């Protein structure tokens, strides 16, 4: 029998192998549970397509918590004009998951089927860190009403902000003229997107 110098072989007790297998199964089970928990995130609650996903990944974003459950999402890709592309997004708790619920941008106001890119950016780029910061933001003293507000409009009203509901029957929101947030820029031959045609902002080419 060959002898290896400097190497000592030790016979391990049988119970050691049993514990190793049991611990390995425990690790596997815990890993699977952690993976399942990781999948439960804000993105699952949003409805958006591949085009929105690409735009979010290409553009530069900035996030600022302005009040409890309120995050200002800014498209910094516009450089010096980024202030014109900045919107408040409300955050809600849904089944223990913090989710961007509504945005004041025209795209989110006039499209009930799909979520806007600002909400998608907050969920994917800002992620849990920004979402958690928004709910942990302290409520200013003397304004407890805002902490109980459930929607973005309620939060803005409680904060002294004006809402467009019931103000001048035919008047449009101040940001209704914001055309840069639509999908026209990504279409060829100056072909307008459907929301612009539907709302009368643009006409189909002849």
N, C-alpha and C. Protein backbone atom coordinates (compact mmCIF):
# COMPACT_ATOMS: atom_id res chain seq x y z
N UNK A 1 0.85 -1.18 0.00
CA UNK A 1 0.00 0.00 0.00
C UNK A 1 0.89 1.24 0.00
N UNK A 2 0.56 2.18 -0.89
CA UNK A 2 1.39 3.37 -1.01
C UNK A 2 1.13 4.30 0.16
N UNK A 3 2.18 4.99 0.58
CA UNK A 3 2.09 5.93 1.70
C UNK A 3 2.44 7.31 1.19
N UNK A 4 1.59 8.28 1.44
CA UNK A 4 1.85 9.66 1.04
C UNK A 4 2.42 10.40 2.23
N UNK A 5 3.62 10.91 2.05
CA UNK A 5 4.28 11.63 3.13
C UNK A 5 3.58 12.98 3.37
N UNK A 6 3.41 13.33 4.62
CA UNK A 6 2.81 14.62 4.98
C UNK A 6 1.29 14.63 4.90
N UNK A 7 0.66 13.52 4.55
CA UNK A 7 -0.79 13.48 4.45
C UNK A 7 -1.32 12.49 5.46
N UNK A 8 -2.27 12.87 6.23
CA UNK A 8 -2.84 12.01 7.26
C UNK A 8 -4.30 11.73 6.93
N UNK A 9 -4.65 10.47 6.83
CA UNK A 9 -6.03 10.08 6.53
C UNK A 9 -6.76 9.81 7.84
N UNK A 10 -7.91 10.40 7.98
CA UNK A 10 -8.71 10.24 9.19
C UNK A 10 -10.06 9.66 8.81
N UNK A 11 -10.46 8.60 9.48
CA UNK A 11 -11.76 7.98 9.23
C UNK A 11 -12.83 8.81 9.94
N UNK A 12 -13.79 9.32 9.16
CA UNK A 12 -14.85 10.14 9.73
C UNK A 12 -15.98 9.25 10.22
N UNK A 13 -16.63 9.59 11.30
CA UNK A 13 -17.76 8.81 11.81
C UNK A 13 -18.92 8.82 10.82
N UNK A 14 -19.72 7.73 10.83
CA UNK A 14 -20.81 7.61 9.88
C UNK A 14 -21.84 8.72 10.05
N UNK A 15 -22.06 9.18 11.27
CA UNK A 15 -23.06 10.21 11.51
C UNK A 15 -22.69 11.52 10.82
N UNK A 16 -21.40 11.73 10.57
CA UNK A 16 -20.97 12.97 9.92
C UNK A 16 -21.56 13.08 8.53
N UNK A 17 -21.51 11.98 7.77
CA UNK A 17 -22.08 11.98 6.43
C UNK A 17 -23.58 12.23 6.47
N UNK A 18 -24.25 11.64 7.45
CA UNK A 18 -25.69 11.83 7.58
C UNK A 18 -26.03 13.29 7.81
N UNK A 19 -25.25 13.93 8.69
CA UNK A 19 -25.49 15.34 8.98
C UNK A 19 -25.22 16.20 7.75
N UNK A 20 -24.20 15.83 6.99
CA UNK A 20 -23.88 16.60 5.79
C UNK A 20 -25.02 16.56 4.80
N UNK A 21 -25.59 15.37 4.59
CA UNK A 21 -26.71 15.22 3.66
C UNK A 21 -27.91 16.01 4.15
N UNK A 22 -28.19 15.92 5.45
CA UNK A 22 -29.34 16.64 6.02
C UNK A 22 -29.15 18.14 5.89
N UNK A 23 -27.94 18.62 6.17
CA UNK A 23 -27.67 20.05 6.07
C UNK A 23 -27.75 20.51 4.62
N UNK A 24 -27.29 19.62 3.71
CA UNK A 24 -27.37 19.97 2.30
C UNK A 24 -28.82 20.12 1.85
N UNK A 25 -29.70 19.22 2.33
CA UNK A 25 -31.11 19.34 2.00
C UNK A 25 -31.72 20.60 2.57
N UNK A 26 -31.30 20.96 3.77
CA UNK A 26 -31.80 22.19 4.41
C UNK A 26 -31.38 23.41 3.61
N UNK A 27 -30.09 23.39 3.19
CA UNK A 27 -29.60 24.52 2.39
C UNK A 27 -30.37 24.64 1.09
N UNK A 28 -30.65 23.50 0.46
CA UNK A 28 -31.38 23.52 -0.81
C UNK A 28 -32.78 24.07 -0.61
N UNK A 29 -33.45 23.62 0.45
CA UNK A 29 -34.81 24.10 0.72
C UNK A 29 -34.82 25.59 1.00
N UNK A 30 -33.85 26.05 1.79
CA UNK A 30 -33.77 27.48 2.11
C UNK A 30 -33.48 28.29 0.86
N UNK A 31 -32.62 27.76 0.00
CA UNK A 31 -32.28 28.45 -1.24
C UNK A 31 -33.50 28.59 -2.13
N UNK A 32 -34.30 27.51 -2.21
CA UNK A 32 -35.50 27.55 -3.04
C UNK A 32 -36.51 28.55 -2.47
N UNK A 33 -36.64 28.59 -1.16
CA UNK A 33 -37.56 29.54 -0.54
C UNK A 33 -37.11 30.97 -0.77
N UNK A 34 -35.80 31.21 -0.64
CA UNK A 34 -35.28 32.56 -0.87
C UNK A 34 -35.50 32.98 -2.31
N UNK A 35 -35.31 32.03 -3.25
CA UNK A 35 -35.50 32.35 -4.66
C UNK A 35 -36.95 32.72 -4.92
N UNK A 36 -37.87 31.96 -4.31
CA UNK A 36 -39.29 32.25 -4.49
C UNK A 36 -39.64 33.62 -3.92
N UNK A 37 -39.04 33.95 -2.78
CA UNK A 37 -39.30 35.25 -2.15
C UNK A 37 -38.75 36.38 -3.00
N UNK A 38 -37.58 36.16 -3.61
CA UNK A 38 -36.97 37.19 -4.43
C UNK A 38 -37.82 37.52 -5.65
N UNK A 39 -38.59 36.54 -6.13
CA UNK A 39 -39.40 36.74 -7.33
C UNK A 39 -40.61 37.61 -7.04
N UNK A 40 -41.00 37.72 -5.79
CA UNK A 40 -42.14 38.54 -5.43
C UNK A 40 -41.68 39.99 -5.27
N UNK A 41 -41.71 40.73 -6.37
CA UNK A 41 -41.27 42.11 -6.33
C UNK A 41 -42.25 43.01 -7.06
N UNK A 42 -41.96 44.30 -7.06
CA UNK A 42 -42.88 45.28 -7.62
C UNK A 42 -43.14 45.08 -9.10
N UNK A 43 -42.16 44.56 -9.83
CA UNK A 43 -42.30 44.42 -11.28
C UNK A 43 -43.47 43.51 -11.63
N UNK A 44 -43.74 42.50 -10.79
CA UNK A 44 -44.83 41.57 -11.06
C UNK A 44 -46.20 42.26 -11.06
N UNK A 45 -46.29 43.40 -10.41
CA UNK A 45 -47.57 44.10 -10.31
C UNK A 45 -47.76 45.12 -11.44
N UNK A 46 -46.76 45.29 -12.30
CA UNK A 46 -46.84 46.28 -13.37
C UNK A 46 -47.07 45.61 -14.71
N UNK A 47 -47.76 46.31 -15.60
CA UNK A 47 -48.05 45.80 -16.94
C UNK A 47 -47.38 46.71 -17.96
N UNK A 48 -46.35 46.20 -18.61
CA UNK A 48 -45.62 47.00 -19.60
C UNK A 48 -45.00 46.06 -20.63
N UNK A 49 -44.67 46.63 -21.79
CA UNK A 49 -44.13 45.83 -22.88
C UNK A 49 -42.62 45.94 -23.01
N UNK A 50 -42.11 45.26 -24.04
CA UNK A 50 -40.66 45.24 -24.28
C UNK A 50 -40.14 46.62 -24.65
N UNK A 51 -40.95 47.40 -25.35
CA UNK A 51 -40.51 48.74 -25.76
C UNK A 51 -40.27 49.63 -24.55
N UNK A 52 -41.21 49.60 -23.60
CA UNK A 52 -41.04 50.39 -22.38
C UNK A 52 -39.84 49.91 -21.59
N UNK A 53 -39.66 48.60 -21.53
CA UNK A 53 -38.52 48.04 -20.81
C UNK A 53 -37.20 48.52 -21.40
N UNK A 54 -37.11 48.56 -22.73
CA UNK A 54 -35.88 49.02 -23.38
C UNK A 54 -35.62 50.49 -23.10
N UNK A 55 -36.68 51.30 -23.18
CA UNK A 55 -36.51 52.73 -22.94
C UNK A 55 -36.04 53.00 -21.52
N UNK A 56 -36.58 52.25 -20.58
CA UNK A 56 -36.16 52.41 -19.19
C UNK A 56 -34.70 52.06 -19.02
N UNK A 57 -34.25 51.01 -19.70
CA UNK A 57 -32.85 50.57 -19.55
C UNK A 57 -31.89 51.50 -20.27
N UNK A 58 -32.35 52.18 -21.31
CA UNK A 58 -31.47 53.08 -22.06
C UNK A 58 -31.32 54.44 -21.40
N UNK A 59 -32.36 54.91 -20.76
CA UNK A 59 -32.38 56.28 -20.26
C UNK A 59 -31.80 56.39 -18.85
N UNK A 60 -31.45 57.62 -18.47
CA UNK A 60 -30.84 57.91 -17.18
C UNK A 60 -31.91 58.42 -16.22
N UNK A 61 -31.93 57.86 -15.00
CA UNK A 61 -33.00 58.19 -14.06
C UNK A 61 -32.47 58.73 -12.73
N UNK A 62 -33.25 59.63 -12.16
CA UNK A 62 -32.96 60.16 -10.83
C UNK A 62 -34.22 60.01 -9.97
N UNK A 63 -34.00 59.70 -8.68
CA UNK A 63 -35.13 59.49 -7.77
C UNK A 63 -34.94 60.34 -6.51
N UNK A 64 -36.02 60.94 -6.05
CA UNK A 64 -35.97 61.75 -4.83
C UNK A 64 -37.26 61.55 -4.05
N UNK A 65 -37.13 61.15 -2.79
CA UNK A 65 -38.30 60.98 -1.92
C UNK A 65 -38.73 62.35 -1.43
N UNK A 66 -39.93 62.78 -1.82
CA UNK A 66 -40.40 64.11 -1.45
C UNK A 66 -41.36 64.11 -0.27
N UNK A 67 -41.99 62.99 -0.02
CA UNK A 67 -42.95 62.87 1.08
C UNK A 67 -43.24 61.39 1.30
N UNK A 68 -43.89 61.04 2.39
CA UNK A 68 -44.23 59.63 2.59
C UNK A 68 -45.03 59.06 1.42
N UNK A 69 -44.52 57.97 0.85
CA UNK A 69 -45.17 57.27 -0.26
C UNK A 69 -45.14 58.09 -1.56
N UNK A 70 -44.29 59.08 -1.65
CA UNK A 70 -44.19 59.90 -2.86
C UNK A 70 -42.73 60.01 -3.31
N UNK A 71 -42.47 59.57 -4.53
CA UNK A 71 -41.11 59.63 -5.09
C UNK A 71 -41.15 60.44 -6.37
N UNK A 72 -40.23 61.40 -6.48
CA UNK A 72 -40.12 62.14 -7.73
C UNK A 72 -39.16 61.39 -8.65
N UNK A 73 -39.67 61.01 -9.81
CA UNK A 73 -38.89 60.27 -10.80
C UNK A 73 -38.56 61.22 -11.95
N UNK A 74 -37.27 61.42 -12.21
CA UNK A 74 -36.82 62.37 -13.23
C UNK A 74 -36.05 61.65 -14.32
N UNK A 75 -36.42 61.93 -15.56
CA UNK A 75 -35.69 61.39 -16.70
C UNK A 75 -34.52 62.33 -16.99
N UNK A 76 -33.37 62.01 -16.42
CA UNK A 76 -32.19 62.87 -16.53
C UNK A 76 -31.54 62.81 -17.90
N UNK A 77 -32.06 61.98 -18.80
CA UNK A 77 -31.50 61.90 -20.15
C UNK A 77 -31.71 63.19 -20.92
N UNK A 78 -32.66 64.03 -20.46
CA UNK A 78 -32.94 65.28 -21.14
C UNK A 78 -31.99 66.40 -20.72
N UNK A 79 -31.03 66.11 -19.85
CA UNK A 79 -30.02 67.09 -19.48
C UNK A 79 -30.60 68.32 -18.82
N UNK A 80 -30.34 69.49 -19.42
CA UNK A 80 -30.78 70.76 -18.84
C UNK A 80 -32.30 70.88 -18.80
N UNK A 81 -33.00 70.09 -19.61
CA UNK A 81 -34.46 70.14 -19.65
C UNK A 81 -35.11 69.04 -18.82
N UNK A 82 -34.32 68.38 -17.97
CA UNK A 82 -34.86 67.25 -17.21
C UNK A 82 -35.98 67.64 -16.25
N UNK A 83 -36.00 68.91 -15.82
CA UNK A 83 -37.05 69.35 -14.91
C UNK A 83 -38.43 69.25 -15.56
N UNK A 84 -38.47 69.33 -16.89
CA UNK A 84 -39.73 69.22 -17.62
C UNK A 84 -40.17 67.77 -17.78
N UNK A 85 -39.33 66.86 -17.34
CA UNK A 85 -39.63 65.42 -17.47
C UNK A 85 -39.51 64.76 -16.10
N UNK A 86 -40.08 65.42 -15.12
CA UNK A 86 -40.02 64.96 -13.74
C UNK A 86 -41.44 64.83 -13.19
N UNK A 87 -41.75 63.68 -12.60
CA UNK A 87 -43.12 63.42 -12.15
C UNK A 87 -43.14 62.72 -10.80
N UNK A 88 -44.19 62.97 -10.05
CA UNK A 88 -44.39 62.30 -8.77
C UNK A 88 -45.06 60.95 -8.99
N UNK A 89 -44.53 59.93 -8.32
CA UNK A 89 -45.09 58.58 -8.40
C UNK A 89 -45.49 58.15 -6.99
N UNK A 90 -46.72 57.71 -6.84
CA UNK A 90 -47.20 57.23 -5.55
C UNK A 90 -46.83 55.78 -5.33
N UNK A 91 -46.51 55.43 -4.09
CA UNK A 91 -46.10 54.06 -3.73
C UNK A 91 -47.13 53.46 -2.78
N UNK A 92 -47.57 52.23 -3.09
CA UNK A 92 -48.54 51.53 -2.25
C UNK A 92 -48.00 50.18 -1.81
N UNK A 93 -48.53 49.70 -0.70
CA UNK A 93 -48.18 48.37 -0.20
C UNK A 93 -49.25 47.39 -0.65
N UNK A 94 -48.86 46.43 -1.48
CA UNK A 94 -49.79 45.43 -1.99
C UNK A 94 -49.31 44.04 -1.58
N UNK A 95 -50.02 43.45 -0.65
CA UNK A 95 -49.66 42.12 -0.16
C UNK A 95 -48.24 42.07 0.37
N UNK A 96 -47.82 43.15 1.03
CA UNK A 96 -46.48 43.19 1.59
C UNK A 96 -45.40 43.59 0.62
N UNK A 97 -45.78 43.94 -0.61
CA UNK A 97 -44.81 44.36 -1.63
C UNK A 97 -45.06 45.82 -1.96
N UNK A 98 -44.01 46.64 -1.91
CA UNK A 98 -44.13 48.06 -2.24
C UNK A 98 -44.14 48.21 -3.75
N UNK A 99 -45.18 48.86 -4.28
CA UNK A 99 -45.39 48.95 -5.72
C UNK A 99 -45.65 50.39 -6.14
N UNK A 100 -45.03 50.87 -7.25
CA UNK A 100 -45.39 52.17 -7.81
C UNK A 100 -46.84 52.09 -8.30
N UNK A 101 -47.73 52.85 -7.69
CA UNK A 101 -49.16 52.68 -7.95
C UNK A 101 -49.69 53.60 -9.05
N UNK A 102 -49.31 54.85 -9.02
CA UNK A 102 -49.80 55.79 -10.02
C UNK A 102 -48.82 56.93 -10.20
N UNK A 103 -48.85 57.51 -11.41
CA UNK A 103 -47.92 58.59 -11.76
C UNK A 103 -48.71 59.75 -12.33
N UNK A 104 -48.20 60.96 -12.15
CA UNK A 104 -48.92 62.13 -12.63
C UNK A 104 -48.60 62.47 -14.08
N UNK A 105 -47.79 61.66 -14.76
CA UNK A 105 -47.45 61.93 -16.16
C UNK A 105 -48.65 61.65 -17.06
N UNK A 106 -48.72 62.29 -18.24
CA UNK A 106 -49.85 62.08 -19.16
C UNK A 106 -49.99 60.62 -19.59
N UNK A 107 -48.86 59.95 -19.82
CA UNK A 107 -48.92 58.57 -20.28
C UNK A 107 -49.65 57.67 -19.30
N UNK A 108 -49.49 57.91 -18.01
CA UNK A 108 -50.14 57.08 -17.00
C UNK A 108 -51.58 57.53 -16.77
N UNK A 109 -51.83 58.81 -16.95
CA UNK A 109 -53.18 59.33 -16.74
C UNK A 109 -54.15 58.85 -17.81
N UNK A 110 -53.68 58.83 -19.06
CA UNK A 110 -54.58 58.56 -20.18
C UNK A 110 -54.51 57.13 -20.69
N UNK A 111 -53.70 56.30 -20.08
CA UNK A 111 -53.59 54.90 -20.51
C UNK A 111 -53.80 54.00 -19.30
N UNK A 112 -54.98 53.42 -19.19
CA UNK A 112 -55.30 52.59 -18.03
C UNK A 112 -54.81 51.16 -18.20
N UNK A 113 -54.44 50.78 -19.42
CA UNK A 113 -54.06 49.39 -19.67
C UNK A 113 -52.61 49.12 -19.30
N UNK A 114 -51.72 50.06 -19.65
CA UNK A 114 -50.29 49.84 -19.42
C UNK A 114 -49.74 50.87 -18.43
N UNK A 115 -48.72 50.45 -17.69
CA UNK A 115 -48.05 51.35 -16.76
C UNK A 115 -46.99 52.16 -17.48
N UNK A 116 -46.77 53.38 -17.02
CA UNK A 116 -45.81 54.28 -17.66
C UNK A 116 -44.37 53.89 -17.32
N UNK A 117 -43.45 54.47 -18.08
CA UNK A 117 -42.04 54.13 -17.89
C UNK A 117 -41.49 54.67 -16.57
N UNK A 118 -42.13 55.70 -16.01
CA UNK A 118 -41.65 56.25 -14.74
C UNK A 118 -41.89 55.26 -13.60
N UNK A 119 -43.04 54.59 -13.62
CA UNK A 119 -43.32 53.57 -12.61
C UNK A 119 -42.41 52.36 -12.81
N UNK A 120 -42.18 52.00 -14.07
CA UNK A 120 -41.29 50.87 -14.35
C UNK A 120 -39.87 51.19 -13.90
N UNK A 121 -39.43 52.43 -14.15
CA UNK A 121 -38.08 52.84 -13.74
C UNK A 121 -37.94 52.81 -12.22
N UNK A 122 -38.98 53.25 -11.52
CA UNK A 122 -38.92 53.24 -10.05
C UNK A 122 -38.84 51.81 -9.53
N UNK A 123 -39.57 50.90 -10.16
CA UNK A 123 -39.58 49.50 -9.71
C UNK A 123 -38.29 48.77 -10.05
N UNK A 124 -37.71 49.06 -11.22
CA UNK A 124 -36.55 48.30 -11.68
C UNK A 124 -35.22 48.98 -11.38
N UNK A 125 -35.13 50.28 -11.67
CA UNK A 125 -33.87 51.01 -11.47
C UNK A 125 -33.76 51.48 -10.01
N UNK A 126 -34.81 52.12 -9.52
CA UNK A 126 -34.81 52.54 -8.11
C UNK A 126 -34.85 51.34 -7.19
N UNK A 127 -35.75 50.41 -7.49
CA UNK A 127 -35.81 49.15 -6.76
C UNK A 127 -36.24 49.27 -5.31
N UNK A 128 -36.04 48.20 -4.54
CA UNK A 128 -36.49 48.15 -3.15
C UNK A 128 -35.90 49.24 -2.27
N UNK A 129 -34.67 49.68 -2.57
CA UNK A 129 -34.03 50.70 -1.73
C UNK A 129 -34.83 52.00 -1.74
N UNK A 130 -35.18 52.48 -2.94
CA UNK A 130 -35.93 53.73 -3.05
C UNK A 130 -37.37 53.54 -2.56
N UNK A 131 -37.97 52.41 -2.90
CA UNK A 131 -39.34 52.15 -2.46
C UNK A 131 -39.44 52.10 -0.94
N UNK A 132 -38.48 51.43 -0.31
CA UNK A 132 -38.47 51.37 1.16
C UNK A 132 -38.25 52.75 1.76
N UNK A 133 -37.38 53.53 1.14
CA UNK A 133 -37.11 54.88 1.65
C UNK A 133 -38.36 55.74 1.60
N UNK A 134 -39.20 55.52 0.59
CA UNK A 134 -40.41 56.35 0.46
C UNK A 134 -41.41 56.08 1.57
N UNK A 135 -41.53 54.83 2.00
CA UNK A 135 -42.50 54.53 3.07
C UNK A 135 -41.93 54.82 4.45
N UNK A 136 -40.61 54.86 4.55
CA UNK A 136 -39.97 55.16 5.83
C UNK A 136 -39.72 56.65 6.02
N UNK A 137 -40.11 57.45 5.03
CA UNK A 137 -39.93 58.89 5.12
C UNK A 137 -40.82 59.44 6.23
N UNK A 138 -40.26 60.20 7.17
CA UNK A 138 -41.07 60.73 8.28
C UNK A 138 -42.10 61.74 7.80
N UNK A 139 -43.28 61.69 8.37
CA UNK A 139 -44.34 62.63 8.05
C UNK A 139 -44.10 63.95 8.77
N UNK A 140 -44.12 65.08 8.05
CA UNK A 140 -43.91 66.38 8.70
C UNK A 140 -44.92 66.59 9.82
N UNK A 141 -44.48 67.17 10.92
CA UNK A 141 -45.35 67.39 12.07
C UNK A 141 -46.48 68.34 11.70
N UNK A 142 -47.65 68.07 12.25
CA UNK A 142 -48.80 68.92 12.00
C UNK A 142 -49.53 68.61 10.72
N UNK A 143 -49.15 67.53 10.01
CA UNK A 143 -49.83 67.18 8.77
C UNK A 143 -50.06 65.69 8.74
N UNK A 144 -50.82 65.19 9.71
CA UNK A 144 -51.08 63.76 9.79
C UNK A 144 -52.02 63.28 8.71
N UNK A 145 -52.76 64.20 8.09
CA UNK A 145 -53.73 63.81 7.06
C UNK A 145 -53.04 63.13 5.89
N UNK A 146 -51.83 63.62 5.54
CA UNK A 146 -51.14 63.09 4.38
C UNK A 146 -50.71 61.65 4.59
N UNK A 147 -50.37 61.28 5.82
CA UNK A 147 -49.92 59.92 6.07
C UNK A 147 -51.04 58.91 5.88
N UNK A 148 -52.32 59.37 5.97
CA UNK A 148 -53.45 58.48 5.80
C UNK A 148 -54.01 58.51 4.39
N UNK A 149 -53.45 59.34 3.53
CA UNK A 149 -53.94 59.42 2.15
C UNK A 149 -53.61 58.14 1.41
N UNK A 150 -54.55 57.71 0.56
CA UNK A 150 -54.38 56.42 -0.10
C UNK A 150 -53.99 56.53 -1.56
N UNK A 151 -54.26 57.65 -2.21
CA UNK A 151 -53.93 57.81 -3.63
C UNK A 151 -53.01 59.00 -3.82
N UNK A 152 -52.44 59.07 -5.02
CA UNK A 152 -51.54 60.18 -5.33
C UNK A 152 -52.26 61.51 -5.25
N UNK A 153 -53.49 61.57 -5.76
CA UNK A 153 -54.26 62.81 -5.71
C UNK A 153 -54.53 63.22 -4.28
N UNK A 154 -54.86 62.24 -3.42
CA UNK A 154 -55.10 62.55 -2.01
C UNK A 154 -53.85 63.09 -1.34
N UNK A 155 -52.70 62.47 -1.65
CA UNK A 155 -51.45 62.91 -1.04
C UNK A 155 -51.09 64.32 -1.48
N UNK A 156 -51.29 64.62 -2.77
CA UNK A 156 -50.98 65.96 -3.26
C UNK A 156 -51.91 66.99 -2.64
N UNK A 157 -53.19 66.63 -2.50
CA UNK A 157 -54.16 67.56 -1.91
C UNK A 157 -53.83 67.81 -0.44
N UNK A 158 -53.45 66.76 0.28
CA UNK A 158 -53.11 66.92 1.69
C UNK A 158 -51.85 67.72 1.88
N UNK A 159 -51.01 67.76 0.85
CA UNK A 159 -49.76 68.50 0.93
C UNK A 159 -49.93 69.94 0.46
N UNK A 160 -51.16 70.31 0.10
CA UNK A 160 -51.40 71.67 -0.35
C UNK A 160 -51.32 71.83 -1.84
N UNK A 161 -51.07 70.75 -2.57
CA UNK A 161 -50.99 70.83 -4.02
C UNK A 161 -52.36 70.85 -4.64
N UNK A 162 -52.46 71.43 -5.81
CA UNK A 162 -53.75 71.52 -6.50
C UNK A 162 -53.94 70.32 -7.39
N UNK A 163 -55.17 69.88 -7.51
CA UNK A 163 -55.49 68.79 -8.43
C UNK A 163 -56.35 69.35 -9.55
N UNK A 164 -56.45 68.65 -10.66
CA UNK A 164 -57.16 69.14 -11.83
C UNK A 164 -58.61 68.70 -11.85
N UNK A 165 -59.05 67.92 -10.87
CA UNK A 165 -60.41 67.42 -10.85
C UNK A 165 -61.39 68.56 -10.55
N UNK A 166 -62.39 68.71 -11.42
CA UNK A 166 -63.45 69.67 -11.18
C UNK A 166 -63.04 71.11 -11.36
N UNK A 167 -61.92 71.39 -11.97
CA UNK A 167 -61.46 72.76 -12.18
C UNK A 167 -61.63 73.08 -13.65
N UNK A 168 -62.65 73.90 -13.99
CA UNK A 168 -62.85 74.26 -15.38
C UNK A 168 -63.19 73.04 -16.21
N UNK A 169 -64.44 72.77 -16.46
CA UNK A 169 -64.86 71.52 -17.07
C UNK A 169 -64.05 71.06 -18.24
N UNK A 170 -63.63 71.99 -19.14
CA UNK A 170 -62.92 71.59 -20.34
C UNK A 170 -61.43 71.86 -20.27
N UNK A 171 -60.96 72.37 -19.15
CA UNK A 171 -59.54 72.66 -19.03
C UNK A 171 -58.75 71.38 -18.91
N UNK A 172 -57.56 71.35 -19.49
CA UNK A 172 -56.70 70.17 -19.46
C UNK A 172 -55.62 70.33 -18.39
N UNK A 173 -55.07 69.24 -17.91
CA UNK A 173 -53.97 69.33 -16.95
C UNK A 173 -52.82 70.14 -17.52
N UNK A 174 -52.07 70.79 -16.64
CA UNK A 174 -50.96 71.62 -17.10
C UNK A 174 -49.94 70.82 -17.88
N UNK A 175 -49.79 69.54 -17.55
CA UNK A 175 -48.78 68.74 -18.23
C UNK A 175 -49.35 67.97 -19.40
N UNK A 176 -50.57 68.32 -19.85
CA UNK A 176 -51.17 67.59 -20.97
C UNK A 176 -50.43 67.86 -22.26
N UNK A 177 -49.67 68.98 -22.32
CA UNK A 177 -48.93 69.30 -23.53
C UNK A 177 -47.59 68.61 -23.60
N UNK A 178 -47.32 67.74 -22.67
CA UNK A 178 -46.04 67.03 -22.64
C UNK A 178 -46.08 65.89 -23.64
N UNK A 179 -45.62 66.14 -24.87
CA UNK A 179 -45.68 65.14 -25.93
C UNK A 179 -44.45 64.26 -25.96
N UNK A 180 -43.37 64.68 -25.32
CA UNK A 180 -42.13 63.92 -25.41
C UNK A 180 -42.22 62.58 -24.71
N UNK A 181 -43.20 62.42 -23.81
CA UNK A 181 -43.30 61.18 -23.06
C UNK A 181 -44.09 60.11 -23.80
N UNK A 182 -44.63 60.45 -25.00
CA UNK A 182 -45.37 59.45 -25.78
C UNK A 182 -44.38 58.61 -26.58
N UNK A 183 -44.92 57.72 -27.43
CA UNK A 183 -44.07 56.80 -28.18
C UNK A 183 -43.81 57.25 -29.61
N UNK A 184 -44.18 58.48 -29.95
CA UNK A 184 -43.99 58.95 -31.33
C UNK A 184 -42.52 58.96 -31.74
N UNK A 185 -41.65 59.30 -30.80
CA UNK A 185 -40.23 59.43 -31.13
C UNK A 185 -39.63 58.12 -31.61
N UNK A 186 -40.19 57.00 -31.17
CA UNK A 186 -39.64 55.71 -31.55
C UNK A 186 -40.22 55.14 -32.83
N UNK A 187 -41.18 55.86 -33.45
CA UNK A 187 -41.81 55.37 -34.68
C UNK A 187 -41.15 55.99 -35.90
N UNK A 188 -41.19 55.28 -37.02
CA UNK A 188 -40.54 55.74 -38.24
C UNK A 188 -41.49 56.59 -39.08
N UNK A 189 -40.90 57.39 -39.99
CA UNK A 189 -41.64 58.21 -40.96
C UNK A 189 -42.62 59.17 -40.29
N UNK A 190 -42.26 59.67 -39.11
CA UNK A 190 -43.10 60.63 -38.40
C UNK A 190 -44.52 60.12 -38.17
N UNK A 191 -44.66 58.80 -38.06
CA UNK A 191 -45.97 58.20 -37.83
C UNK A 191 -46.33 58.36 -36.36
N UNK A 192 -47.47 58.96 -36.04
CA UNK A 192 -47.82 59.20 -34.63
C UNK A 192 -48.26 57.93 -33.92
N UNK A 193 -48.12 57.93 -32.60
CA UNK A 193 -48.60 56.80 -31.81
C UNK A 193 -50.11 56.92 -31.61
N UNK A 194 -50.74 55.83 -31.23
CA UNK A 194 -52.19 55.81 -31.09
C UNK A 194 -52.71 56.79 -30.04
N UNK A 195 -52.10 56.91 -28.84
CA UNK A 195 -52.61 57.87 -27.86
C UNK A 195 -52.67 59.30 -28.40
N UNK A 196 -51.67 59.70 -29.22
CA UNK A 196 -51.67 61.06 -29.78
C UNK A 196 -52.80 61.24 -30.78
N UNK A 197 -53.05 60.19 -31.59
CA UNK A 197 -54.15 60.25 -32.56
C UNK A 197 -55.49 60.26 -31.84
N UNK A 198 -55.61 59.38 -30.84
CA UNK A 198 -56.85 59.26 -30.08
C UNK A 198 -57.21 60.56 -29.37
N UNK A 199 -56.21 61.25 -28.80
CA UNK A 199 -56.46 62.47 -28.04
C UNK A 199 -56.47 63.72 -28.92
N UNK A 200 -56.28 63.55 -30.24
CA UNK A 200 -56.35 64.68 -31.14
C UNK A 200 -55.11 65.53 -31.18
N UNK A 201 -54.00 65.04 -30.61
CA UNK A 201 -52.77 65.83 -30.62
C UNK A 201 -52.08 65.77 -31.98
N UNK A 202 -52.24 64.65 -32.69
CA UNK A 202 -51.64 64.49 -34.01
C UNK A 202 -52.62 63.77 -34.92
N UNK A 203 -52.39 63.93 -36.24
CA UNK A 203 -53.24 63.28 -37.22
C UNK A 203 -52.44 62.25 -38.00
N UNK A 204 -53.13 61.23 -38.49
CA UNK A 204 -52.47 60.21 -39.30
C UNK A 204 -52.04 60.81 -40.63
N UNK A 205 -50.85 60.48 -41.11
CA UNK A 205 -50.41 61.00 -42.42
C UNK A 205 -51.23 60.41 -43.55
N UNK A 206 -51.42 61.20 -44.60
CA UNK A 206 -52.22 60.73 -45.75
C UNK A 206 -51.40 59.79 -46.63
